[in-house]
């Protein structure tokens, strides 16, 4: 019996030209940034950039909901960004949301409105993925050498610290402290006292304590600051003549004394701090001072490169088929001793079914093919923990592990697919995905389950060239005459699967 053919490659061929323009949108907790670049010989030539101080983190209420005022500011900014991005084809724009998107309890609801305003999908990324992308951007923006670097980025709600070499981030951390959150906690009344400045530094020192010994032991040859907060501090120190090259501990000490002498946030214009940044500046100074002390930094250079640059270079990598997510999948497979031969069988058949049902189940977007492919390759990752309920072990692992290159949406979809690939169909597990995405992922789960059933024998004999036909609430499988009769175990398994899927509101028919 002929084996089911491998699905056609839905990705662009290797020699396909890159889009003329690519764009990155960085939705930070303090500022929203957009950078548009022309791809020239595989490198980036910036043609436009926009920045707006949105201070989304300041718009989180006590229950961690985004206030109406903050949401209006953010959506208005995204609408302006969206106008500039009109005409750029799908796949040439990558937008990422950071700490406030991670923290907001109504983040999923707000994300729908944000994507509508921008006109492009938005990925919510975890802290360590943010750190990886920051380092990628910084490493492309400074001179290449053999030195090991410490990169520090103080955002509105989190601070990332990375040790890396060349273009590789070797150690990444994301801490829950930022210039907005620190300033709201200690300087909300606009007054700057020595006692409150010291309290802000102590809070930051406590956040740094779990990592400082490890980072000191690893070491670095040069320190680089990458955020708007750090660059503003550098600008102030230079303008006042307190540092002539980079930020120093002595320069920070003099800046702290000056903040206390001025006494109020509105007086920071005397140091050259722009009014929009002044309310969050004291918190940023306190955090950087704590970083210098905890990690014993003597001098820090600064760079214009940041998260958005890393997003652009990562996007170029994806477009050129050098996707870090593929590397992550391979590393996980090796680490948890996945049977890659079996995984490839399941992946091949799952994608074969997907080709046939994608139109009727509205699964033609590349992200759905990616999710299904990754889930097939990792559906048995939990076996290395225990055979009993290994699908649940695998789901937990994928939801909570640091997976370089993956957004939170990617990880959640991958986790749910692995959770749903066998046994009772867990309809309740899809609720966290949002209504529209939940329906698509449920259909992907059905496709994956069929592929797993057809390869339960873990044999190289292959599956027949069957036909899959999808409709509203139905999936029909037509096998060559006599094939099911000669494979009674598969026939029985499909019968069990029909019972499982009925709970999901899907009728499975096979003949």
Protein backbone atom coordinates (compact mmCIF):
# COMPACT_ATOMS: atom_id res chain seq x y z
CA UNK A 1 0.00 0.00 0.00
CA UNK A 2 1.39 3.41 -0.95
CA UNK A 3 2.35 5.65 1.93
CA UNK A 4 0.63 8.98 2.40
CA UNK A 5 2.71 11.52 0.48
CA UNK A 6 4.54 14.23 2.38
CA UNK A 7 2.70 17.54 2.26
CA UNK A 8 3.95 20.23 -0.06
CA UNK A 9 6.30 22.74 1.49
CA UNK A 10 4.17 25.71 2.41
CA UNK A 11 7.19 27.88 3.25
CA UNK A 12 8.87 30.09 0.65
CA UNK A 13 11.83 28.50 -1.11
CA UNK A 14 15.33 29.25 0.08
CA UNK A 15 16.11 31.51 -2.85
CA UNK A 16 12.94 33.57 -2.57
CA UNK A 17 13.73 37.27 -2.25
CA UNK A 18 13.25 38.91 1.11
CA UNK A 19 10.57 41.62 1.32
CA UNK A 20 11.84 45.08 0.45
CA UNK A 21 10.84 46.43 3.86
CA UNK A 22 10.52 44.81 7.29
CA UNK A 23 9.27 46.35 10.52
CA UNK A 24 9.51 45.72 14.24
CA UNK A 25 7.08 47.06 16.83
CA UNK A 26 8.22 47.01 20.46
CA UNK A 27 5.31 47.50 22.86
CA UNK A 28 7.18 48.25 26.05
CA UNK A 29 5.79 49.09 29.46
CA UNK A 30 6.96 52.70 29.17
CA UNK A 31 7.29 53.45 25.45
CA UNK A 32 6.04 52.00 22.19
CA UNK A 33 8.64 51.92 19.42
CA UNK A 34 8.47 51.08 15.72
CA UNK A 35 11.38 50.67 13.35
CA UNK A 36 11.10 50.10 9.61
CA UNK A 37 14.13 48.96 7.65
CA UNK A 38 15.10 48.09 4.12
CA UNK A 39 16.82 44.74 3.67
CA UNK A 40 20.06 45.32 1.77
CA UNK A 41 22.32 42.33 1.12
CA UNK A 42 20.88 40.57 4.15
CA UNK A 43 21.49 43.57 6.42
CA UNK A 44 19.18 46.34 7.63
CA UNK A 45 19.05 49.96 6.52
CA UNK A 46 16.67 51.94 8.74
CA UNK A 47 14.23 54.09 6.75
CA UNK A 48 11.81 55.21 9.48
CA UNK A 49 11.26 55.03 13.21
CA UNK A 50 8.55 56.20 15.57
CA UNK A 51 8.45 56.39 19.36
CA UNK A 52 5.69 57.39 21.75
CA UNK A 53 5.78 57.49 25.55
CA UNK A 54 2.65 55.51 26.39
CA UNK A 55 3.49 54.45 29.99
CA UNK A 56 1.25 51.42 29.82
CA UNK A 57 2.65 50.06 33.10
CA UNK A 58 1.44 53.19 34.88
CA UNK A 59 -2.03 52.32 33.59
CA UNK A 60 -2.32 49.06 35.53
CA UNK A 61 -4.73 49.41 38.46
CA UNK A 62 -4.49 47.57 41.78
CA UNK A 63 -6.20 44.51 40.26
CA UNK A 64 -3.72 44.55 37.35
CA UNK A 65 -6.31 45.62 34.80
CA UNK A 66 -5.40 48.18 32.14
CA UNK A 67 -7.30 51.39 32.86
CA UNK A 68 -9.53 52.89 30.20
CA UNK A 69 -7.30 55.96 29.90
CA UNK A 70 -4.14 53.88 29.40
CA UNK A 71 -5.89 51.63 26.89
CA UNK A 72 -7.01 54.67 24.88
CA UNK A 73 -3.46 56.06 24.81
CA UNK A 74 -2.05 52.72 23.69
CA UNK A 75 -4.66 52.03 21.03
CA UNK A 76 -4.37 55.54 19.60
CA UNK A 77 -0.61 55.07 19.31
CA UNK A 78 -1.06 51.66 17.65
CA UNK A 79 -3.52 53.14 15.17
CA UNK A 80 -0.89 55.69 14.15
CA UNK A 81 1.72 52.96 13.85
CA UNK A 82 -0.77 50.89 11.86
CA UNK A 83 -1.26 53.67 9.32
CA UNK A 84 2.49 53.76 8.70
CA UNK A 85 2.59 49.99 8.27
CA UNK A 86 -0.18 49.83 5.68
CA UNK A 87 1.01 48.18 2.53
CA UNK A 88 3.62 45.99 4.22
CA UNK A 89 2.74 42.37 3.44
CA UNK A 90 1.84 39.82 6.14
CA UNK A 91 4.96 38.28 7.63
CA UNK A 92 7.12 41.36 7.12
CA UNK A 93 6.01 42.96 10.41
CA UNK A 94 6.70 41.52 13.84
CA UNK A 95 5.22 43.12 16.95
CA UNK A 96 6.03 42.05 20.51
CA UNK A 97 4.46 42.94 23.84
CA UNK A 98 6.58 42.85 26.99
CA UNK A 99 6.12 43.02 30.76
CA UNK A 100 2.80 44.87 31.06
CA UNK A 101 1.22 42.55 28.50
CA UNK A 102 2.55 39.68 30.60
CA UNK A 103 1.13 41.06 33.85
CA UNK A 104 -2.25 42.44 32.80
CA UNK A 105 -5.15 40.22 33.87
CA UNK A 106 -7.20 41.48 30.92
CA UNK A 107 -4.23 41.19 28.58
CA UNK A 108 -5.91 38.72 26.20
CA UNK A 109 -8.91 41.01 25.74
CA UNK A 110 -6.72 44.07 25.25
CA UNK A 111 -4.52 42.14 22.82
CA UNK A 112 -7.45 41.64 20.44
CA UNK A 113 -8.11 45.40 20.35
CA UNK A 114 -4.38 46.14 20.00
CA UNK A 115 -3.98 43.80 17.03
CA UNK A 116 -7.01 45.36 15.37
CA UNK A 117 -5.56 48.86 15.83
CA UNK A 118 -2.10 47.87 14.57
CA UNK A 119 -3.33 45.67 11.74
CA UNK A 120 -0.78 42.94 12.50
CA UNK A 121 -0.46 40.10 15.03
CA UNK A 122 1.20 40.88 18.38
CA UNK A 123 3.28 38.29 20.22
CA UNK A 124 3.52 38.46 23.99
CA UNK A 125 7.03 37.33 24.90
CA UNK A 126 8.40 36.08 28.20
CA UNK A 127 11.15 37.88 30.05
CA UNK A 128 13.99 35.62 29.01
CA UNK A 129 12.88 35.72 25.37
CA UNK A 130 12.86 39.52 25.67
CA UNK A 131 16.40 39.32 27.06
CA UNK A 132 17.53 37.10 24.18
CA UNK A 133 16.14 39.53 21.61
CA UNK A 134 17.69 42.54 23.37
CA UNK A 135 21.10 40.89 23.25
CA UNK A 136 20.61 39.99 19.58
CA UNK A 137 19.87 43.63 18.77
CA UNK A 138 22.76 44.99 20.82
CA UNK A 139 25.26 42.49 19.40
CA UNK A 140 24.41 43.63 15.87
CA UNK A 141 24.74 47.28 16.81
CA UNK A 142 28.24 47.30 18.34
CA UNK A 143 31.65 46.40 17.01
CA UNK A 144 32.29 42.66 16.76
CA UNK A 145 35.10 41.36 18.93
CA UNK A 146 35.97 38.39 21.13
CA UNK A 147 34.95 39.99 24.40
CA UNK A 148 32.24 38.63 26.68
CA UNK A 149 29.61 41.29 27.33
CA UNK A 150 27.10 42.15 30.02
CA UNK A 151 24.06 43.87 28.53
CA UNK A 152 21.56 45.68 30.79
CA UNK A 153 18.18 47.01 29.68
CA UNK A 154 15.92 48.87 32.14
CA UNK A 155 12.39 48.86 30.80
CA UNK A 156 9.20 50.24 32.27
CA UNK A 157 8.25 47.09 34.16
CA UNK A 158 11.23 44.74 33.95
CA UNK A 159 15.00 44.82 33.75
CA UNK A 160 16.89 42.37 31.55
CA UNK A 161 20.49 41.32 32.20
CA UNK A 162 22.34 39.20 29.65
CA UNK A 163 25.86 37.84 29.42
CA UNK A 164 26.84 36.86 25.90
CA UNK A 165 29.55 36.56 23.33
CA UNK A 166 29.34 37.43 19.62
CA UNK A 167 25.64 37.01 18.68
CA UNK A 168 24.84 34.37 21.31
CA UNK A 169 23.19 35.12 24.65
CA UNK A 170 24.76 32.71 27.15
CA UNK A 171 22.96 33.74 30.36
CA UNK A 172 19.64 35.62 30.42
CA UNK A 173 17.61 37.02 33.30
CA UNK A 174 14.51 39.19 33.48
CA UNK A 175 13.76 40.80 36.83
CA UNK A 176 10.49 42.32 38.02
CA UNK A 177 11.69 45.88 38.38
CA UNK A 178 11.44 48.77 35.95
CA UNK A 179 11.63 52.53 35.82
CA UNK A 180 7.82 52.93 35.79
CA UNK A 181 7.06 50.44 38.56
CA UNK A 182 9.91 51.73 40.75
CA UNK A 183 8.93 55.37 40.25
CA UNK A 184 5.27 54.66 41.03
CA UNK A 185 6.26 52.80 44.21
CA UNK A 186 8.67 55.44 45.56
CA UNK A 187 8.21 58.78 43.76
CA UNK A 188 4.49 58.89 42.91
CA UNK A 189 4.06 62.22 44.72
CA UNK A 190 6.75 63.82 42.57
CA UNK A 191 9.12 64.35 45.49
CA UNK A 192 12.67 62.96 45.51
CA UNK A 193 14.09 62.39 48.98
CA UNK A 194 17.32 60.65 49.90
CA UNK A 195 15.34 58.14 51.99
CA UNK A 196 12.99 57.18 49.14
CA UNK A 197 15.86 56.99 46.66
CA UNK A 198 17.67 54.65 49.02
CA UNK A 199 14.50 52.57 49.51
CA UNK A 200 14.15 52.23 45.73
CA UNK A 201 17.77 51.08 45.49
CA UNK A 202 17.23 48.52 48.26
CA UNK A 203 14.17 47.10 46.46
CA UNK A 204 16.25 46.71 43.31
CA UNK A 205 19.10 45.15 45.27
CA UNK A 206 16.71 42.52 46.63
CA UNK A 207 15.63 41.63 43.10
CA UNK A 208 19.26 41.31 42.05
CA UNK A 209 20.35 39.19 45.00
CA UNK A 210 19.44 35.75 43.54
CA UNK A 211 21.57 36.29 40.42
CA UNK A 212 24.46 38.49 41.50
CA UNK A 213 26.82 35.71 42.67
CA UNK A 214 26.29 33.69 39.50
CA UNK A 215 26.75 36.69 37.21
CA UNK A 216 29.91 37.79 39.02
CA UNK A 217 31.31 34.26 38.75
CA UNK A 218 30.64 34.08 35.00
CA UNK A 219 32.11 37.52 34.45
CA UNK A 220 32.37 39.82 31.44
CA UNK A 221 34.87 42.07 29.74
CA UNK A 222 32.57 45.01 28.94
CA UNK A 223 29.20 46.28 30.14
CA UNK A 224 26.66 47.87 27.79
CA UNK A 225 23.42 49.70 28.62
CA UNK A 226 20.68 49.41 26.03
CA UNK A 227 17.52 51.23 27.13
CA UNK A 228 16.20 54.76 26.85
CA UNK A 229 16.53 55.15 30.61
CA UNK A 230 20.21 54.23 30.57
CA UNK A 231 20.92 56.41 27.54
CA UNK A 232 19.23 59.37 29.25
CA UNK A 233 21.38 58.84 32.34
CA UNK A 234 24.45 58.79 30.08
CA UNK A 235 23.33 62.01 28.38
CA UNK A 236 22.84 63.77 31.73
CA UNK A 237 26.23 62.66 33.07
CA UNK A 238 28.00 63.91 29.93
CA UNK A 239 26.12 67.20 29.87
CA UNK A 240 26.98 67.88 33.51
CA UNK A 241 30.62 66.89 33.00
CA UNK A 242 30.37 64.07 35.54
CA UNK A 243 31.52 61.40 33.06
CA UNK A 244 33.40 61.77 29.81
CA UNK A 245 33.10 58.22 28.46
CA UNK A 246 30.31 55.92 29.58
CA UNK A 247 28.54 55.71 32.93
CA UNK A 248 30.63 55.30 36.09
CA UNK A 249 29.82 54.65 39.74
CA UNK A 250 31.12 58.08 40.68
CA UNK A 251 28.96 59.67 38.00
CA UNK A 252 25.88 57.84 39.33
CA UNK A 253 26.68 59.01 42.89
CA UNK A 254 26.81 62.63 41.75
CA UNK A 255 23.55 62.18 39.82
CA UNK A 256 21.78 60.78 42.89
CA UNK A 257 22.99 63.74 44.95
CA UNK A 258 21.70 66.11 42.27
CA UNK A 259 18.27 64.43 42.24
CA UNK A 260 17.97 64.89 46.00
CA UNK A 261 19.11 68.52 45.78
CA UNK A 262 16.49 69.25 43.09
CA UNK A 263 13.90 67.52 45.23
CA UNK A 264 11.07 67.28 42.70
CA UNK A 265 10.42 65.48 39.42
CA UNK A 266 9.33 68.65 37.61
CA UNK A 267 12.76 70.18 38.28
CA UNK A 268 14.59 67.46 36.31
CA UNK A 269 14.49 69.60 33.19
CA UNK A 270 17.41 71.48 34.70
CA UNK A 271 19.46 68.34 34.11
CA UNK A 272 18.19 68.03 30.54
CA UNK A 273 15.66 65.26 31.22
CA UNK A 274 12.72 65.57 28.83
CA UNK A 275 9.35 66.13 30.55
CA UNK A 276 7.85 62.89 29.25
CA UNK A 277 10.63 60.84 30.85
CA UNK A 278 11.01 62.83 34.07
CA UNK A 279 8.29 60.99 36.07
CA UNK A 280 10.06 57.63 35.61
CA UNK A 281 13.65 58.88 35.73
CA UNK A 282 14.30 58.57 39.50
CA UNK A 283 13.23 54.93 39.51
CA UNK A 284 15.56 54.22 36.59
CA UNK A 285 18.49 55.89 38.36
CA UNK A 286 17.82 53.82 41.50
CA UNK A 287 17.75 50.56 39.54
CA UNK A 288 20.93 51.30 37.60
CA UNK A 289 22.71 52.31 40.81
CA UNK A 290 21.72 48.99 42.38
CA UNK A 291 22.90 47.08 39.30
CA UNK A 292 26.27 48.82 39.44
CA UNK A 293 26.71 47.97 43.13
CA UNK A 294 25.40 44.39 43.02
CA UNK A 295 27.45 43.41 39.97
CA UNK A 296 30.44 45.63 40.80
CA UNK A 297 30.37 47.41 37.44
CA UNK A 298 33.01 50.09 37.03
CA UNK A 299 31.99 51.57 33.70
CA UNK A 300 29.12 51.03 31.26
CA UNK A 301 28.96 52.06 27.62
CA UNK A 302 25.60 52.72 25.97
CA UNK A 303 24.09 51.82 22.62
CA UNK A 304 21.11 52.89 20.54
CA UNK A 305 20.38 49.26 19.69
CA UNK A 306 17.59 47.61 21.64
CA UNK A 307 14.77 45.08 21.62
CA UNK A 308 13.26 46.29 18.34
CA UNK A 309 16.59 45.73 16.56
CA UNK A 310 16.73 42.18 17.89
CA UNK A 311 13.16 41.61 16.73
CA UNK A 312 14.13 42.78 13.23
CA UNK A 313 17.17 40.51 13.02
CA UNK A 314 15.19 37.57 14.39
CA UNK A 315 12.50 38.24 11.76
CA UNK A 316 15.15 38.26 9.03
CA UNK A 317 16.38 34.92 10.33
CA UNK A 318 12.89 33.45 10.07
CA UNK A 319 12.42 34.78 6.55
CA UNK A 320 15.75 33.23 5.55
CA UNK A 321 14.83 29.89 7.18
CA UNK A 322 17.23 30.29 10.10
CA UNK A 323 14.51 30.13 12.73
CA UNK A 324 15.74 29.82 16.32
CA UNK A 325 12.50 28.00 17.14
CA UNK A 326 13.59 25.02 15.04
CA UNK A 327 16.82 24.90 17.05
CA UNK A 328 14.81 25.02 20.28
CA UNK A 329 12.66 22.07 19.16
CA UNK A 330 15.76 20.02 18.30
CA UNK A 331 17.38 20.80 21.67
CA UNK A 332 14.22 19.78 23.54
CA UNK A 333 13.98 16.56 21.57
CA UNK A 334 17.55 15.64 22.47
CA UNK A 335 17.27 16.71 26.09
CA UNK A 336 14.11 14.67 26.74
CA UNK A 337 15.10 11.74 24.52
CA UNK A 338 12.18 12.04 22.11
CA UNK A 339 11.88 9.22 19.57
CA UNK A 340 12.47 11.49 16.58
CA UNK A 341 11.70 8.76 14.05
CA UNK A 342 8.23 8.34 15.48
CA UNK A 343 7.82 12.10 15.79
CA UNK A 344 8.65 12.53 12.10
CA UNK A 345 6.08 9.87 11.14
CA UNK A 346 3.38 11.66 13.10
CA UNK A 347 4.42 15.07 11.77
CA UNK A 348 4.36 13.87 8.17
CA UNK A 349 0.87 12.41 8.46
CA UNK A 350 -0.49 15.34 10.47
CA UNK A 351 0.64 17.81 7.82
CA UNK A 352 -0.78 15.55 5.12
CA UNK A 353 -4.18 15.72 6.83
CA UNK A 354 -3.82 19.46 7.41
CA UNK A 355 -3.38 20.07 3.70
CA UNK A 356 -6.75 18.47 3.05
CA UNK A 357 -8.74 20.15 5.81
CA UNK A 358 -7.06 23.57 6.04
CA UNK A 359 -9.52 25.35 3.76
CA UNK A 360 -12.71 24.08 5.42
CA UNK A 361 -11.41 24.54 8.97
CA UNK A 362 -9.71 27.88 8.21
CA UNK A 363 -6.23 26.66 9.10
CA UNK A 364 -4.26 28.10 6.20
CA UNK A 365 -2.24 30.67 8.15
CA UNK A 366 1.43 29.67 8.49
CA UNK A 367 1.25 29.84 12.29
CA UNK A 368 -1.24 26.94 12.37
CA UNK A 369 1.04 24.76 10.30
CA UNK A 370 3.93 25.69 12.60
CA UNK A 371 1.97 24.86 15.75
CA UNK A 372 0.93 21.49 14.38
CA UNK A 373 4.44 20.64 13.19
CA UNK A 374 6.03 21.56 16.53
CA UNK A 375 3.40 19.67 18.51
CA UNK A 376 3.89 16.54 16.39
CA UNK A 377 7.64 16.70 16.94
CA UNK A 378 7.22 17.09 20.71
CA UNK A 379 4.01 15.19 21.45
CA UNK A 380 5.95 12.52 23.37
CA UNK A 381 8.28 14.89 25.23
CA UNK A 382 6.62 13.98 28.55
CA UNK A 383 7.61 10.31 28.25
CA UNK A 384 11.02 11.13 29.68
CA UNK A 385 9.29 12.10 32.93
CA UNK A 386 6.78 9.22 33.22
CA UNK A 387 4.69 7.11 30.87
CA UNK A 388 1.55 7.52 32.96
CA UNK A 389 -0.26 10.64 31.71
CA UNK A 390 2.80 11.72 29.76
CA UNK A 391 0.69 14.05 27.65
CA UNK A 392 0.00 16.12 30.79
CA UNK A 393 3.68 16.12 31.78
CA UNK A 394 4.62 17.30 28.29
CA UNK A 395 1.98 20.03 28.32
CA UNK A 396 3.17 21.41 31.66
CA UNK A 397 6.77 21.36 30.51
CA UNK A 398 6.07 23.23 27.28
CA UNK A 399 3.89 25.86 28.92
CA UNK A 400 6.39 26.74 31.63
CA UNK A 401 9.82 26.14 30.07
CA UNK A 402 11.96 28.91 28.60
CA UNK A 403 11.74 28.26 24.86
CA UNK A 404 13.97 30.64 22.86
CA UNK A 405 12.10 32.14 19.91
CA UNK A 406 8.62 31.25 21.15
CA UNK A 407 5.99 33.78 22.15
CA UNK A 408 3.58 33.11 24.98
CA UNK A 409 0.85 32.38 22.42
CA UNK A 410 3.13 29.85 20.68
CA UNK A 411 3.93 28.11 23.96
CA UNK A 412 0.33 27.98 25.11
CA UNK A 413 -0.92 26.59 21.78
CA UNK A 414 1.89 24.02 21.73
CA UNK A 415 1.15 23.01 25.32
CA UNK A 416 -2.57 22.58 24.68
CA UNK A 417 -1.95 20.52 21.54
CA UNK A 418 0.36 18.15 23.40
CA UNK A 419 -2.13 17.94 26.27
CA UNK A 420 -4.96 17.09 23.85
CA UNK A 421 -3.20 14.59 21.59
CA UNK A 422 -4.46 11.44 23.37
CA UNK A 423 -7.08 10.02 25.70
CA UNK A 424 -10.09 12.11 26.75
CA UNK A 425 -10.47 15.29 24.71
CA UNK A 426 -9.83 18.17 27.19
CA UNK A 427 -12.30 20.76 25.94
CA UNK A 428 -11.69 22.96 28.98
CA UNK A 429 -7.98 23.31 28.19
CA UNK A 430 -8.67 25.49 25.16
CA UNK A 431 -10.42 28.32 26.99
CA UNK A 432 -7.21 30.20 27.76
CA UNK A 433 -6.49 30.63 24.04
CA UNK A 434 -9.33 33.03 23.29
CA UNK A 435 -12.48 32.08 21.40
CA UNK A 436 -11.23 32.34 17.82
CA UNK A 437 -7.84 30.74 18.46
CA UNK A 438 -9.41 28.03 20.62
CA UNK A 439 -11.55 26.80 17.70
CA UNK A 440 -8.53 26.63 15.38
CA UNK A 441 -6.37 24.82 17.92
CA UNK A 442 -9.15 22.33 18.67
CA UNK A 443 -9.20 21.44 14.98
CA UNK A 444 -5.40 21.15 14.97
CA UNK A 445 -5.65 18.83 17.96
CA UNK A 446 -8.07 16.59 16.07
CA UNK A 447 -5.63 16.42 13.14
CA UNK A 448 -2.77 15.53 15.50
CA UNK A 449 -4.85 12.84 17.24
CA UNK A 450 -5.63 11.17 13.91
CA UNK A 451 -1.94 11.11 13.00
CA UNK A 452 -1.03 9.62 16.40
CA UNK A 453 -3.69 6.89 16.08
CA UNK A 454 -2.50 5.92 12.59
CA UNK A 455 1.07 5.52 13.86
CA UNK A 456 0.41 3.72 17.12
CA UNK A 457 2.28 0.69 15.78
CA UNK A 458 5.46 2.80 15.48
CA UNK A 459 6.21 1.02 12.23
CA UNK A 460 7.89 2.15 9.04
CA UNK A 461 5.19 0.37 7.02
CA UNK A 462 3.52 3.72 6.47
CA UNK A 463 -0.10 4.78 6.16
CA UNK A 464 -2.17 4.56 3.01
CA UNK A 465 -2.97 7.48 0.77
CA UNK A 466 -6.29 8.16 2.49
CA UNK A 467 -8.58 11.12 1.92
CA UNK A 468 -9.60 13.50 4.70
CA UNK A 469 -12.63 15.72 4.28
CA UNK A 470 -13.64 18.31 6.88
CA UNK A 471 -16.92 20.07 7.41
CA UNK A 472 -18.77 21.86 10.20
CA UNK A 473 -18.44 19.52 13.16
CA UNK A 474 -17.33 16.57 11.02
CA UNK A 475 -14.22 14.81 9.78
CA UNK A 476 -14.43 11.99 7.25
CA UNK A 477 -11.56 9.63 6.49
CA UNK A 478 -11.73 7.44 3.39
CA UNK A 479 -9.16 4.62 3.21
CA UNK A 480 -8.45 2.37 0.22
CA UNK A 481 -10.82 -0.64 -0.05
CA UNK A 482 -9.93 -3.39 2.39
CA UNK A 483 -7.24 -1.48 4.27
CA UNK A 484 -9.14 -1.07 7.55
CA UNK A 485 -10.20 -4.73 7.46
CA UNK A 486 -6.57 -5.75 7.28
CA UNK A 487 -5.67 -3.39 10.15
CA UNK A 488 -8.19 -4.28 12.88
CA UNK A 489 -6.27 -2.50 15.66
CA UNK A 490 -6.36 0.78 13.73
CA UNK A 491 -10.07 0.22 13.06
CA UNK A 492 -10.68 -0.24 16.79
CA UNK A 493 -8.58 2.81 17.66
CA UNK A 494 -10.51 4.98 15.22
CA UNK A 495 -13.72 3.79 16.88
CA UNK A 496 -12.42 4.85 20.27
CA UNK A 497 -11.30 8.14 18.77
CA UNK A 498 -14.80 8.75 17.41
CA UNK A 499 -16.13 8.45 20.96
CA UNK A 500 -13.51 10.86 22.31
CA UNK A 501 -14.16 13.45 19.58
CA UNK A 502 -17.91 13.36 20.06
CA UNK A 503 -17.27 15.08 23.39
CA UNK A 504 -15.64 17.90 21.42
CA UNK A 505 -18.68 18.23 19.18
CA UNK A 506 -16.98 16.59 16.21
CA UNK A 507 -18.28 13.52 14.40
CA UNK A 508 -15.52 11.27 13.07
CA UNK A 509 -16.58 9.06 10.17
CA UNK A 510 -14.26 6.56 8.49
CA UNK A 511 -14.62 3.91 5.84
